[in-house]
Protein backbone atom coordinates (compact mmCIF):
# COMPACT_ATOMS: atom_id res chain seq x y z
CA MET A 1 0.00 0.00 0.00
CA LYS A 2 1.15 3.52 -0.65
CA GLY A 3 2.96 4.76 2.44
CA ASP A 4 4.36 1.39 3.49
CA ARG A 5 8.01 1.83 4.33
CA VAL A 6 11.01 -0.07 5.58
CA GLU A 7 13.89 1.55 7.46
CA ILE A 8 17.29 -0.10 7.29
CA VAL A 9 20.04 0.83 9.76
CA VAL A 10 23.49 -0.11 8.48
CA ASP A 11 26.90 -0.13 10.18
CA ALA A 12 29.13 2.22 8.16
CA GLY A 13 32.33 1.64 10.11
CA ASP A 14 32.65 4.62 12.44
CA SER A 15 28.93 5.50 12.38
CA THR A 16 25.54 4.20 11.26
CA ARG A 17 23.46 5.15 8.26
CA THR A 18 19.71 4.90 7.90
CA TYR A 19 18.01 4.18 4.58
CA GLU A 20 14.29 4.12 3.76
CA VAL A 21 12.42 2.31 1.01
CA VAL A 22 8.88 3.66 0.60
CA ALA A 23 5.94 2.51 -1.53
CA THR A 24 5.58 5.69 -3.57
CA ARG A 25 2.39 5.01 -5.52
CA ALA A 26 -0.99 3.46 -4.86
CA GLY A 27 -1.03 -0.31 -5.18
CA ARG A 28 2.67 -0.75 -4.51
CA ARG A 29 4.11 -2.52 -1.51
CA VAL A 30 7.52 -3.01 0.06
CA GLU A 31 8.94 -6.51 0.50
CA SER A 32 12.10 -7.60 2.30
CA ALA A 33 14.10 -10.81 2.00
CA VAL A 34 17.40 -12.22 3.22
CA ARG A 35 19.21 -14.36 0.65
CA ARG A 36 22.81 -15.60 0.65
CA GLY A 37 24.02 -13.04 3.15
CA VAL A 38 22.32 -10.13 1.41
CA VAL A 39 19.29 -8.20 2.67
CA GLU A 40 17.07 -7.07 -0.21
CA VAL A 41 14.28 -4.54 0.21
CA SER A 42 12.15 -4.02 -2.90
CA GLU A 43 9.26 -1.83 -3.98
CA VAL A 44 6.84 -4.09 -5.88
CA THR A 45 3.77 -3.38 -8.04
CA ARG A 46 0.46 -5.23 -7.78
CA SER A 47 1.49 -7.56 -10.60
CA GLY A 48 4.75 -8.45 -8.84
CA THR A 49 7.12 -6.39 -10.97
CA VAL A 50 10.04 -5.00 -8.97
CA VAL A 51 10.33 -1.23 -9.36
CA ARG A 52 13.50 -0.70 -7.33
CA THR A 53 15.66 -2.68 -4.95
CA ALA A 54 18.07 -1.78 -2.16
CA ARG A 55 20.69 -4.40 -1.24
CA PHE A 56 22.83 -4.52 1.89
CA MET A 57 25.32 -7.03 3.29
CA ALA A 58 23.52 -8.89 6.06
CA THR A 59 26.56 -8.69 8.35
CA ARG A 60 26.34 -4.86 8.23
CA VAL A 61 22.59 -4.53 8.85
CA LEU A 62 21.89 -3.53 12.45
CA ALA A 63 18.10 -3.15 12.20
CA LEU A 64 15.34 -3.66 9.68
CA VAL A 65 12.11 -1.93 10.71
CA GLU A 66 8.93 -2.52 8.70
CA GLN A 67 6.36 0.23 9.18
CA PRO A 68 3.11 -0.49 7.37
CA VAL A 69 0.65 2.33 6.86
CA PRO A 70 -2.43 1.83 9.08
CA ARG A 71 -5.27 0.24 7.12
CA ASP A 72 -8.83 1.60 7.23
CA ASP A 73 -10.06 -1.04 9.70
CA GLU A 74 -7.10 -0.33 12.03
CA ARG A 75 -7.81 3.41 11.90
CA ALA A 76 -11.45 2.76 12.83
CA GLU A 77 -10.39 0.65 15.83
CA GLU A 78 -7.89 3.29 17.00
CA SER A 79 -10.46 6.10 16.79
CA ALA A 80 -13.03 3.98 18.66
CA GLN A 81 -10.49 3.30 21.43
CA GLU A 82 -9.63 7.01 21.65
CA ARG A 83 -13.31 7.96 21.97
CA ALA A 84 -13.81 5.34 24.68
CA ALA A 85 -10.75 6.59 26.60
CA GLY A 86 -12.09 10.07 26.80
């Protein structure tokens, strides 16, 4: 879904670097996979075509944080809980 994003924190030797891969258009999603010591994060269309890919050495990746955009049903539950809380 548009707005889905994955943050990747990578060890850059003396510091860390943070990268983001974001689903930029409606109908696209972000997928992550670890294969042969490489972490791949890809933006994918509805039909499964890869639009862009970020690759990192798995030994250098410190954190991989997937942050999906809240769906409509989740937003409804959150607003109902907020109203009930006061």
